[in-house]
Amino acid sequence: MEKSTKLYYDTNEVAEMLGCEASALRFWEKKFPQLCPKRDSRNRRRYTEADIEVVRKILYQKEEQGRTIKGARQQLNRRETAQNLIHRLTRVREFLVEIRDHL
């Protein structure tokens, strides 16, 4: 599968790409704060690769894991929190290594 060079996708393209309904994408936008596509000058939703990845995670949680909307939202929040924690700990480690090297 070749990587697309598009920066933005419209709602119908994303729905077709992921095999879901466009109405589901609009609904999930209200339920998941992580999903926030940009709007163009004509107020149409424009999804980035990051937005599409969030939709993939939602689909995985709902279809593969059998979670409800609430459960999927909680799981995504936990993962986001864990990723933030890992990022912060990595920065602290880099800082400590830098201090050690200066001693």
PDB file of N, CA and C in Angstrom:
ATOM      1  N   MET A   1       0.842  -1.175   0.000  1.00  0.00           N
ATOM      2  CA  MET A   1       0.000   0.000   0.000  1.00  0.00           C
ATOM      3  C   MET A   1       0.886   1.237   0.000  1.00  0.00           C
ATOM      4  N   GLU A   2       0.705   2.096  -0.978  1.00  0.00           N
ATOM      5  CA  GLU A   2       1.539   3.286  -1.059  1.00  0.00           C
ATOM      6  C   GLU A   2       0.995   4.394  -0.177  1.00  0.00           C
ATOM      7  N   LYS A   3       1.901   5.200   0.308  1.00  0.00           N
ATOM      8  CA  LYS A   3       1.548   6.306   1.195  1.00  0.00           C
ATOM      9  C   LYS A   3       0.990   7.450   0.356  1.00  0.00           C
ATOM     10  N   SER A   4      -0.156   7.957   0.742  1.00  0.00           N
ATOM     11  CA  SER A   4      -0.781   9.055   0.031  1.00  0.00           C
ATOM     12  C   SER A   4      -0.062  10.361   0.353  1.00  0.00           C
ATOM     13  N   THR A   5      -0.076  11.282  -0.617  1.00  0.00           N
ATOM     14  CA  THR A   5       0.586  12.563  -0.413  1.00  0.00           C
ATOM     15  C   THR A   5      -0.401  13.647   0.017  1.00  0.00           C
ATOM     16  N   LYS A   6      -1.653  13.277   0.216  1.00  0.00           N
ATOM     17  CA  LYS A   6      -2.656  14.259   0.629  1.00  0.00           C
ATOM     18  C   LYS A   6      -2.426  14.664   2.079  1.00  0.00           C
ATOM     19  N   LEU A   7      -2.658  15.929   2.355  1.00  0.00           N
ATOM     20  CA  LEU A   7      -2.562  16.430   3.727  1.00  0.00           C
ATOM     21  C   LEU A   7      -3.899  16.353   4.443  1.00  0.00           C
ATOM     22  N   TYR A   8      -4.985  16.544   3.699  1.00  0.00           N
ATOM     23  CA  TYR A   8      -6.311  16.571   4.293  1.00  0.00           C
ATOM     24  C   TYR A   8      -7.268  15.687   3.505  1.00  0.00           C
ATOM     25  N   TYR A   9      -8.187  15.064   4.235  1.00  0.00           N
ATOM     26  CA  TYR A   9      -9.201  14.208   3.632  1.00  0.00           C
ATOM     27  C   TYR A   9     -10.562  14.694   4.088  1.00  0.00           C
ATOM     28  N   ASP A  10     -11.572  14.578   3.218  1.00  0.00           N
ATOM     29  CA  ASP A  10     -12.914  14.966   3.657  1.00  0.00           C
ATOM     30  C   ASP A  10     -13.593  13.788   4.343  1.00  0.00           C
ATOM     31  N   THR A  11     -14.743  14.039   4.904  1.00  0.00           N
ATOM     32  CA  THR A  11     -15.447  13.055   5.714  1.00  0.00           C
ATOM     33  C   THR A  11     -15.746  11.780   4.928  1.00  0.00           C
ATOM     34  N   ASN A  12     -16.239  11.930   3.703  1.00  0.00           N
ATOM     35  CA  ASN A  12     -16.591  10.752   2.911  1.00  0.00           C
ATOM     36  C   ASN A  12     -15.367   9.920   2.546  1.00  0.00           C
ATOM     37  N   GLU A  13     -14.243  10.564   2.276  1.00  0.00           N
ATOM     38  CA  GLU A  13     -13.014   9.828   1.971  1.00  0.00           C
ATOM     39  C   GLU A  13     -12.569   8.994   3.176  1.00  0.00           C
ATOM     40  N   VAL A  14     -12.615   9.593   4.348  1.00  0.00           N
ATOM     41  CA  VAL A  14     -12.194   8.888   5.568  1.00  0.00           C
ATOM     42  C   VAL A  14     -13.148   7.730   5.843  1.00  0.00           C
ATOM     43  N   ALA A  15     -14.450   7.967   5.694  1.00  0.00           N
ATOM     44  CA  ALA A  15     -15.440   6.916   5.938  1.00  0.00           C
ATOM     45  C   ALA A  15     -15.207   5.739   4.989  1.00  0.00           C
ATOM     46  N   GLU A  16     -14.982   6.027   3.729  1.00  0.00           N
ATOM     47  CA  GLU A  16     -14.728   4.969   2.743  1.00  0.00           C
ATOM     48  C   GLU A  16     -13.416   4.248   3.038  1.00  0.00           C
ATOM     49  N   MET A  17     -12.394   5.004   3.398  1.00  0.00           N
ATOM     50  CA  MET A  17     -11.077   4.446   3.688  1.00  0.00           C
ATOM     51  C   MET A  17     -11.129   3.455   4.856  1.00  0.00           C
ATOM     52  N   LEU A  18     -11.932   3.784   5.881  1.00  0.00           N
ATOM     53  CA  LEU A  18     -11.957   2.982   7.097  1.00  0.00           C
ATOM     54  C   LEU A  18     -13.164   2.052   7.197  1.00  0.00           C
ATOM     55  N   GLY A  19     -14.067   2.143   6.231  1.00  0.00           N
ATOM     56  CA  GLY A  19     -15.219   1.251   6.228  1.00  0.00           C
ATOM     57  C   GLY A  19     -16.243   1.566   7.301  1.00  0.00           C
ATOM     58  N   CYS A  20     -16.478   2.838   7.533  1.00  0.00           N
ATOM     59  CA  CYS A  20     -17.506   3.237   8.495  1.00  0.00           C
ATOM     60  C   CYS A  20     -18.399   4.284   7.839  1.00  0.00           C
ATOM     61  N   GLU A  21     -19.408   4.690   8.542  1.00  0.00           N
ATOM     62  CA  GLU A  21     -20.335   5.690   8.024  1.00  0.00           C
ATOM     63  C   GLU A  21     -19.834   7.101   8.328  1.00  0.00           C
ATOM     64  N   ALA A  22     -20.105   8.029   7.412  1.00  0.00           N
ATOM     65  CA  ALA A  22     -19.728   9.424   7.629  1.00  0.00           C
ATOM     66  C   ALA A  22     -20.455   9.993   8.852  1.00  0.00           C
ATOM     67  N   SER A  23     -21.677   9.552   9.068  1.00  0.00           N
ATOM     68  CA  SER A  23     -22.431  10.033  10.238  1.00  0.00           C
ATOM     69  C   SER A  23     -21.771   9.578  11.536  1.00  0.00           C
ATOM     70  N   ALA A  24     -21.150   8.397  11.519  1.00  0.00           N
ATOM     71  CA  ALA A  24     -20.439   7.916  12.709  1.00  0.00           C
ATOM     72  C   ALA A  24     -19.252   8.830  13.013  1.00  0.00           C
ATOM     73  N   LEU A  25     -18.548   9.267  11.976  1.00  0.00           N
ATOM     74  CA  LEU A  25     -17.414  10.178  12.180  1.00  0.00           C
ATOM     75  C   LEU A  25     -17.873  11.474  12.827  1.00  0.00           C
ATOM     76  N   ARG A  26     -18.979  12.006  12.345  1.00  0.00           N
ATOM     77  CA  ARG A  26     -19.492  13.251  12.916  1.00  0.00           C
ATOM     78  C   ARG A  26     -19.940  13.038  14.365  1.00  0.00           C
ATOM     79  N   PHE A  27     -20.556  11.893  14.652  1.00  0.00           N
ATOM     80  CA  PHE A  27     -20.987  11.577  16.013  1.00  0.00           C
ATOM     81  C   PHE A  27     -19.786  11.440  16.936  1.00  0.00           C
ATOM     82  N   TRP A  28     -18.767  10.703  16.498  1.00  0.00           N
ATOM     83  CA  TRP A  28     -17.584  10.488  17.330  1.00  0.00           C
ATOM     84  C   TRP A  28     -16.843  11.784  17.603  1.00  0.00           C
ATOM     85  N   GLU A  29     -16.942  12.722  16.683  1.00  0.00           N
ATOM     86  CA  GLU A  29     -16.300  14.023  16.884  1.00  0.00           C
ATOM     87  C   GLU A  29     -16.860  14.704  18.138  1.00  0.00           C
ATOM     88  N   LYS A  30     -18.140  14.478  18.419  1.00  0.00           N
ATOM     89  CA  LYS A  30     -18.763  15.059  19.607  1.00  0.00           C
ATOM     90  C   LYS A  30     -18.394  14.295  20.876  1.00  0.00           C
ATOM     91  N   LYS A  31     -18.138  12.988  20.746  1.00  0.00           N
ATOM     92  CA  LYS A  31     -17.918  12.136  21.908  1.00  0.00           C
ATOM     93  C   LYS A  31     -16.452  11.984  22.303  1.00  0.00           C
ATOM     94  N   PHE A  32     -15.526  12.200  21.371  1.00  0.00           N
ATOM     95  CA  PHE A  32     -14.100  12.001  21.636  1.00  0.00           C
ATOM     96  C   PHE A  32     -13.348  13.323  21.457  1.00  0.00           C
ATOM     97  N   PRO A  33     -12.845  13.899  22.527  1.00  0.00           N
ATOM     98  CA  PRO A  33     -12.129  15.175  22.407  1.00  0.00           C
ATOM     99  C   PRO A  33     -10.843  15.044  21.582  1.00  0.00           C
ATOM    100  N   GLN A  34     -10.313  13.826  21.448  1.00  0.00           N
ATOM    101  CA  GLN A  34      -9.095  13.613  20.661  1.00  0.00           C
ATOM    102  C   GLN A  34      -9.352  13.796  19.163  1.00  0.00           C
ATOM    103  N   LEU A  35     -10.594  13.630  18.752  1.00  0.00           N
ATOM    104  CA  LEU A  35     -10.963  13.735  17.340  1.00  0.00           C
ATOM    105  C   LEU A  35     -11.502  15.132  17.071  1.00  0.00           C
ATOM    106  N   CYS A  36     -10.677  15.935  16.431  1.00  0.00           N
ATOM    107  CA  CYS A  36     -11.060  17.326  16.193  1.00  0.00           C
ATOM    108  C   CYS A  36     -10.545  17.766  14.818  1.00  0.00           C
ATOM    109  N   PRO A  37     -11.241  17.354  13.742  1.00  0.00           N
ATOM    110  CA  PRO A  37     -10.776  17.738  12.411  1.00  0.00           C
ATOM    111  C   PRO A  37     -10.910  19.245  12.189  1.00  0.00           C
ATOM    112  N   LYS A  38     -10.019  19.758  11.391  1.00  0.00           N
ATOM    113  CA  LYS A  38     -10.055  21.181  11.058  1.00  0.00           C
ATOM    114  C   LYS A  38     -11.222  21.441  10.110  1.00  0.00           C
ATOM    115  N   ARG A  39     -11.592  22.691   9.981  1.00  0.00           N
ATOM    116  CA  ARG A  39     -12.651  23.099   9.050  1.00  0.00           C
ATOM    117  C   ARG A  39     -12.044  24.015   7.998  1.00  0.00           C
ATOM    118  N   ASP A  40     -12.524  23.871   6.759  1.00  0.00           N
ATOM    119  CA  ASP A  40     -12.039  24.757   5.700  1.00  0.00           C
ATOM    120  C   ASP A  40     -12.921  26.008   5.627  1.00  0.00           C
ATOM    121  N   SER A  41     -12.681  26.835   4.630  1.00  0.00           N
ATOM    122  CA  SER A  41     -13.407  28.100   4.522  1.00  0.00           C
ATOM    123  C   SER A  41     -14.903  27.886   4.284  1.00  0.00           C
ATOM    124  N   ARG A  42     -15.281  26.719   3.762  1.00  0.00           N
ATOM    125  CA  ARG A  42     -16.691  26.407   3.533  1.00  0.00           C
ATOM    126  C   ARG A  42     -17.273  25.555   4.672  1.00  0.00           C
ATOM    127  N   ASN A  43     -16.545  25.505   5.788  1.00  0.00           N
ATOM    128  CA  ASN A  43     -16.957  24.815   7.009  1.00  0.00           C
ATOM    129  C   ASN A  43     -17.063  23.294   6.841  1.00  0.00           C
ATOM    130  N   ARG A  44     -16.326  22.733   5.900  1.00  0.00           N
ATOM    131  CA  ARG A  44     -16.283  21.280   5.723  1.00  0.00           C
ATOM    132  C   ARG A  44     -15.161  20.712   6.579  1.00  0.00           C
ATOM    133  N   ARG A  45     -15.383  19.545   7.120  1.00  0.00           N
ATOM    134  CA  ARG A  45     -14.366  18.896   7.950  1.00  0.00           C
ATOM    135  C   ARG A  45     -13.214  18.427   7.071  1.00  0.00           C
ATOM    136  N   ARG A  46     -11.988  18.629   7.587  1.00  0.00           N
ATOM    137  CA  ARG A  46     -10.783  18.177   6.898  1.00  0.00           C
ATOM    138  C   ARG A  46      -9.956  17.372   7.883  1.00  0.00           C
ATOM    139  N   TYR A  47      -9.842  16.081   7.616  1.00  0.00           N
ATOM    140  CA  TYR A  47      -9.134  15.165   8.506  1.00  0.00           C
ATOM    141  C   TYR A  47      -7.672  15.042   8.095  1.00  0.00           C
ATOM    142  N   THR A  48      -6.786  15.090   9.071  1.00  0.00           N
ATOM    143  CA  THR A  48      -5.362  14.854   8.851  1.00  0.00           C
ATOM    144  C   THR A  48      -5.065  13.384   9.133  1.00  0.00           C
ATOM    145  N   GLU A  49      -3.829  12.978   8.874  1.00  0.00           N
ATOM    146  CA  GLU A  49      -3.417  11.604   9.189  1.00  0.00           C
ATOM    147  C   GLU A  49      -3.571  11.319  10.687  1.00  0.00           C
ATOM    148  N   ALA A  50      -3.282  12.319  11.519  1.00  0.00           N
ATOM    149  CA  ALA A  50      -3.429  12.143  12.974  1.00  0.00           C
ATOM    150  C   ALA A  50      -4.892  11.910  13.343  1.00  0.00           C
ATOM    151  N   ASP A  51      -5.813  12.647  12.715  1.00  0.00           N
ATOM    152  CA  ASP A  51      -7.241  12.450  12.963  1.00  0.00           C
ATOM    153  C   ASP A  51      -7.675  11.049  12.534  1.00  0.00           C
ATOM    154  N   ILE A  52      -7.167  10.610  11.397  1.00  0.00           N
ATOM    155  CA  ILE A  52      -7.515   9.283  10.885  1.00  0.00           C
ATOM    156  C   ILE A  52      -6.996   8.201  11.824  1.00  0.00           C
ATOM    157  N   GLU A  53      -5.832   8.416  12.404  1.00  0.00           N
ATOM    158  CA  GLU A  53      -5.292   7.451  13.361  1.00  0.00           C
ATOM    159  C   GLU A  53      -6.172   7.364  14.609  1.00  0.00           C
ATOM    160  N   VAL A  54      -6.712   8.494  15.054  1.00  0.00           N
ATOM    161  CA  VAL A  54      -7.632   8.493  16.194  1.00  0.00           C
ATOM    162  C   VAL A  54      -8.893   7.695  15.841  1.00  0.00           C
ATOM    163  N   VAL A  55      -9.399   7.879  14.631  1.00  0.00           N
ATOM    164  CA  VAL A  55     -10.586   7.133  14.200  1.00  0.00           C
ATOM    165  C   VAL A  55     -10.276   5.640  14.163  1.00  0.00           C
ATOM    166  N   ARG A  56      -9.089   5.285  13.692  1.00  0.00           N
ATOM    167  CA  ARG A  56      -8.692   3.864  13.686  1.00  0.00           C
ATOM    168  C   ARG A  56      -8.684   3.295  15.103  1.00  0.00           C
ATOM    169  N   LYS A  57      -8.178   4.065  16.043  1.00  0.00           N
ATOM    170  CA  LYS A  57      -8.150   3.614  17.438  1.00  0.00           C
ATOM    171  C   LYS A  57      -9.564   3.445  17.977  1.00  0.00           C
ATOM    172  N   ILE A  58     -10.458   4.360  17.638  1.00  0.00           N
ATOM    173  CA  ILE A  58     -11.846   4.261  18.071  1.00  0.00           C
ATOM    174  C   ILE A  58     -12.480   3.004  17.488  1.00  0.00           C
ATOM    175  N   LEU A  59     -12.281   2.785  16.193  1.00  0.00           N
ATOM    176  CA  LEU A  59     -12.833   1.592  15.555  1.00  0.00           C
ATOM    177  C   LEU A  59     -12.294   0.320  16.187  1.00  0.00           C
ATOM    178  N   TYR A  60     -11.009   0.307  16.483  1.00  0.00           N
ATOM    179  CA  TYR A  60     -10.401  -0.866  17.102  1.00  0.00           C
ATOM    180  C   TYR A  60     -11.029  -1.126  18.466  1.00  0.00           C
ATOM    181  N   GLN A  61     -11.174  -0.076  19.249  1.00  0.00           N
ATOM    182  CA  GLN A  61     -11.757  -0.225  20.584  1.00  0.00           C
ATOM    183  C   GLN A  61     -13.195  -0.740  20.505  1.00  0.00           C
ATOM    184  N   LYS A  62     -13.961  -0.227  19.556  1.00  0.00           N
ATOM    185  CA  LYS A  62     -15.364  -0.616  19.442  1.00  0.00           C
ATOM    186  C   LYS A  62     -15.522  -1.997  18.820  1.00  0.00           C
ATOM    187  N   GLU A  63     -14.851  -2.255  17.710  1.00  0.00           N
ATOM    188  CA  GLU A  63     -15.081  -3.497  16.974  1.00  0.00           C
ATOM    189  C   GLU A  63     -14.267  -4.668  17.507  1.00  0.00           C
ATOM    190  N   GLU A  64     -12.983  -4.469  17.717  1.00  0.00           N
ATOM    191  CA  GLU A  64     -12.115  -5.566  18.140  1.00  0.00           C
ATOM    192  C   GLU A  64     -12.202  -5.826  19.646  1.00  0.00           C
ATOM    193  N   GLN A  65     -12.265  -4.758  20.429  1.00  0.00           N
ATOM    194  CA  GLN A  65     -12.293  -4.896  21.882  1.00  0.00           C
ATOM    195  C   GLN A  65     -13.716  -4.962  22.433  1.00  0.00           C
ATOM    196  N   GLY A  66     -14.705  -4.610  21.604  1.00  0.00           N
ATOM    197  CA  GLY A  66     -16.099  -4.678  22.036  1.00  0.00           C
ATOM    198  C   GLY A  66     -16.475  -3.648  23.082  1.00  0.00           C
ATOM    199  N   ARG A  67     -15.821  -2.510  23.067  1.00  0.00           N
ATOM    200  CA  ARG A  67     -16.092  -1.475  24.067  1.00  0.00           C
ATOM    201  C   ARG A  67     -17.253  -0.576  23.627  1.00  0.00           C
ATOM    202  N   THR A  68     -17.897   0.007  24.601  1.00  0.00           N
ATOM    203  CA  THR A  68     -18.920   1.014  24.340  1.00  0.00           C
ATOM    204  C   THR A  68     -18.206   2.336  24.020  1.00  0.00           C
ATOM    205  N   ILE A  69     -18.989   3.330  23.661  1.00  0.00           N
ATOM    206  CA  ILE A  69     -18.409   4.660  23.403  1.00  0.00           C
ATOM    207  C   ILE A  69     -17.696   5.156  24.654  1.00  0.00           C
ATOM    208  N   LYS A  70     -18.346   5.013  25.795  1.00  0.00           N
ATOM    209  CA  LYS A  70     -17.754   5.473  27.054  1.00  0.00           C
ATOM    210  C   LYS A  70     -16.467   4.710  27.359  1.00  0.00           C
ATOM    211  N   GLY A  71     -16.489   3.396  27.183  1.00  0.00           N
ATOM    212  CA  GLY A  71     -15.302   2.579  27.436  1.00  0.00           C
ATOM    213  C   GLY A  71     -14.163   2.908  26.489  1.00  0.00           C
ATOM    214  N   ALA A  72     -14.494   3.129  25.221  1.00  0.00           N
ATOM    215  CA  ALA A  72     -13.464   3.481  24.244  1.00  0.00           C
ATOM    216  C   ALA A  72     -12.849   4.835  24.578  1.00  0.00           C
ATOM    217  N   ARG A  73     -13.691   5.784  24.985  1.00  0.00           N
ATOM    218  CA  ARG A  73     -13.194   7.114  25.352  1.00  0.00           C
ATOM    219  C   ARG A  73     -12.263   7.022  26.562  1.00  0.00           C
ATOM    220  N   GLN A  74     -12.647   6.227  27.564  1.00  0.00           N
ATOM    221  CA  GLN A  74     -11.802   6.060  28.750  1.00  0.00           C
ATOM    222  C   GLN A  74     -10.471   5.403  28.381  1.00  0.00           C
ATOM    223  N   GLN A  75     -10.521   4.393  27.520  1.00  0.00           N
ATOM    224  CA  GLN A  75      -9.291   3.709  27.115  1.00  0.00           C
ATOM    225  C   GLN A  75      -8.361   4.650  26.350  1.00  0.00           C
ATOM    226  N   LEU A  76      -8.914   5.447  25.456  1.00  0.00           N
ATOM    227  CA  LEU A  76      -8.087   6.407  24.710  1.00  0.00           C
ATOM    228  C   LEU A  76      -7.478   7.435  25.652  1.00  0.00           C
ATOM    229  N   ASN A  77      -8.243   7.872  26.660  1.00  0.00           N
ATOM    230  CA  ASN A  77      -7.719   8.826  27.639  1.00  0.00           C
ATOM    231  C   ASN A  77      -6.579   8.210  28.436  1.00  0.00           C
ATOM    232  N   ARG A  78      -6.729   6.936  28.814  1.00  0.00           N
ATOM    233  CA  ARG A  78      -5.656   6.257  29.554  1.00  0.00           C
ATOM    234  C   ARG A  78      -4.395   6.161  28.708  1.00  0.00           C
ATOM    235  N   ARG A  79      -4.555   5.806  27.446  1.00  0.00           N
ATOM    236  CA  ARG A  79      -3.388   5.689  26.560  1.00  0.00           C
ATOM    237  C   ARG A  79      -2.715   7.045  26.372  1.00  0.00           C
ATOM    238  N   GLU A  80      -3.535   8.073  26.218  1.00  0.00           N
ATOM    239  CA  GLU A  80      -2.992   9.418  26.051  1.00  0.00           C
ATOM    240  C   GLU A  80      -2.220   9.829  27.294  1.00  0.00           C
ATOM    241  N   THR A  81      -2.770   9.538  28.470  1.00  0.00           N
ATOM    242  CA  THR A  81      -2.099   9.856  29.727  1.00  0.00           C
ATOM    243  C   THR A  81      -0.793   9.076  29.847  1.00  0.00           C
ATOM    244  N   ALA A  82      -0.818   7.807  29.483  1.00  0.00           N
ATOM    245  CA  ALA A  82       0.392   6.981  29.548  1.00  0.00           C
ATOM    246  C   ALA A  82       1.460   7.499  28.582  1.00  0.00           C
ATOM    247  N   GLN A  83       1.061   7.891  27.400  1.00  0.00           N
ATOM    248  CA  GLN A  83       2.024   8.423  26.429  1.00  0.00           C
ATOM    249  C   GLN A  83       2.632   9.727  26.933  1.00  0.00           C
ATOM    250  N   ASN A  84       1.820  10.580  27.541  1.00  0.00           N
ATOM    251  CA  ASN A  84       2.340  11.823  28.114  1.00  0.00           C
ATOM    252  C   ASN A  84       3.331  11.540  29.232  1.00  0.00           C
ATOM    253  N   LEU A  85       3.016  10.571  30.070  1.00  0.00           N
ATOM    254  CA  LEU A  85       3.904  10.197  31.162  1.00  0.00           C
ATOM    255  C   LEU A  85       5.233   9.662  30.625  1.00  0.00           C
ATOM    256  N   ILE A  86       5.168   8.814  29.619  1.00  0.00           N
ATOM    257  CA  ILE A  86       6.390   8.275  29.010  1.00  0.00           C
ATOM    258  C   ILE A  86       7.236   9.405  28.436  1.00  0.00           C
ATOM    259  N   HIS A  87       6.595  10.347  27.775  1.00  0.00           N
ATOM    260  CA  HIS A  87       7.310  11.483  27.194  1.00  0.00           C
ATOM    261  C   HIS A  87       7.992  12.315  28.289  1.00  0.00           C
ATOM    262  N   ARG A  88       7.272  12.579  29.376  1.00  0.00           N
ATOM    263  CA  ARG A  88       7.844  13.359  30.473  1.00  0.00           C
ATOM    264  C   ARG A  88       9.009  12.629  31.124  1.00  0.00           C
ATOM    265  N   LEU A  89       8.850  11.322  31.339  1.00  0.00           N
ATOM    266  CA  LEU A  89       9.934  10.543  31.943  1.00  0.00           C
ATOM    267  C   LEU A  89      11.167  10.480  31.035  1.00  0.00           C
ATOM    268  N   THR A  90      10.952  10.419  29.745  1.00  0.00           N
ATOM    269  CA  THR A  90      12.065  10.429  28.795  1.00  0.00           C
ATOM    270  C   THR A  90      12.818  11.754  28.880  1.00  0.00           C
ATOM    271  N   ARG A  91      12.084  12.858  28.975  1.00  0.00           N
ATOM    272  CA  ARG A  91      12.737  14.165  29.103  1.00  0.00           C
ATOM    273  C   ARG A  91      13.512  14.264  30.408  1.00  0.00           C
ATOM    274  N   VAL A  92      12.961  13.744  31.503  1.00  0.00           N
ATOM    275  CA  VAL A  92      13.659  13.757  32.790  1.00  0.00           C
ATOM    276  C   VAL A  92      14.936  12.928  32.698  1.00  0.00           C
ATOM    277  N   ARG A  93      14.841  11.771  32.062  1.00  0.00           N
ATOM    278  CA  ARG A  93      16.025  10.911  31.910  1.00  0.00           C
ATOM    279  C   ARG A  93      17.121  11.627  31.111  1.00  0.00           C
ATOM    280  N   GLU A  94      16.747  12.270  30.025  1.00  0.00           N
ATOM    281  CA  GLU A  94      17.716  13.018  29.219  1.00  0.00           C
ATOM    282  C   GLU A  94      18.374  14.105  30.047  1.00  0.00           C
ATOM    283  N   PHE A  95      17.577  14.786  30.871  1.00  0.00           N
ATOM    284  CA  PHE A  95      18.101  15.841  31.729  1.00  0.00           C
ATOM    285  C   PHE A  95      19.098  15.273  32.734  1.00  0.00           C
ATOM    286  N   LEU A  96      18.742  14.147  33.342  1.00  0.00           N
ATOM    287  CA  LEU A  96      19.639  13.530  34.329  1.00  0.00           C
ATOM    288  C   LEU A  96      20.944  13.028  33.690  1.00  0.00           C
ATOM    289  N   VAL A  97      20.844  12.485  32.491  1.00  0.00           N
ATOM    290  CA  VAL A  97      22.040  12.041  31.781  1.00  0.00           C
ATOM    291  C   VAL A  97      22.934  13.240  31.468  1.00  0.00           C
ATOM    292  N   GLU A  98      22.312  14.338  31.085  1.00  0.00           N
ATOM    293  CA  GLU A  98      23.088  15.544  30.794  1.00  0.00           C
ATOM    294  C   GLU A  98      23.790  16.046  32.050  1.00  0.00           C
ATOM    295  N   ILE A  99      23.103  16.023  33.180  1.00  0.00           N
ATOM    296  CA  ILE A  99      23.734  16.434  34.445  1.00  0.00           C
ATOM    297  C   ILE A  99      24.900  15.505  34.787  1.00  0.00           C
ATOM    298  N   ARG A 100      24.679  14.197  34.643  1.00  0.00           N
ATOM    299  CA  ARG A 100      25.725  13.215  34.937  1.00  0.00           C
ATOM    300  C   ARG A 100      26.950  13.468  34.071  1.00  0.00           C
ATOM    301  N   ASP A 101      26.747  13.765  32.803  1.00  0.00           N
ATOM    302  CA  ASP A 101      27.864  13.995  31.884  1.00  0.00           C
ATOM    303  C   ASP A 101      28.654  15.254  32.229  1.00  0.00           C
ATOM    304  N   HIS A 102      27.986  16.215  32.856  1.00  0.00           N
ATOM    305  CA  HIS A 102      28.669  17.454  33.239  1.00  0.00           C
ATOM    306  C   HIS A 102      29.410  17.322  34.563  1.00  0.00           C
ATOM    307  N   LEU A 103      29.191  16.258  35.307  1.00  0.00           N
ATOM    308  CA  LEU A 103      29.871  16.087  36.602  1.00  0.00           C
ATOM    309  C   LEU A 103      31.237  15.513  36.442  1.00  0.00           C
TER     310      LEU A 103
END
